[in-house]
């Protein structure tokens, strides 16, 4: 099977991604953002969320789980938040602070982005002042996605951000997101996706190369798949009936 991949580079202001269906399913496919439209922490398997009385954000139903893996540049796992660009937020008694404008980065669009936070080995302390948006996460989906678009924000360091895609037919592919100017946005679209691992940014110096990201998915509508299945069954029954009639003749 051939898997389509398209990467587009652009510079801020941020642009919304457009996901286009592929093949016969496209006319009745539904595209939606996988980023919760609310700010807070995402469950990536690191135990309780950070803060007294906090709760994890609810994820889109097509996401089976998000797993935080040990990042190659930090040697630890990272937590994952959703942050609305251009707002101030504080978590865990001020341990984590997201500013309306981070160091060297302009985030004024009002879009929601997944935002990694590199942690110490204990999972409750920060590496490098909380500005280190570095982490490795695996997204597992509970169905095959017709299309998956990932928007990468502020990939400035060469070979600092890459991905591994697992497809519905059992094959995999990998790639590297090119370095760009400050505030750049790049967009990659994959087809027939079962899971994807994102290795975001790289630790170096005081704050490293932090990368935020968005994900947009296109999945077949259940009614369409049911209709196709019924059509196939009906066709099969019709063929069987004709074969039976021919034999009887």
Foldseek 3Di string as FASTA:
>chain_A
DDKDKDKDKDFDPDDDDDDAFDDPLRVQKDKDWFFDPDKDWADQPLPDGAAPPDDHDDTDQQWPHKHFDQAPFQRATKTKIKDFAQPWDATNVRQAIDHNADVLAHGDDRDIWIFIFDADRNHHHGAQSRLARWTKMKTATPAWFQKKKKKKWQQADAQFKKKKFQAPVGDIDIDGDGHDDHGMIMMMMIGRTRMMMIGAFHDDDRHGRHMIMIMMTIHRDPVVVVVVVVVVVVVVVVVVVVVVVVVVD
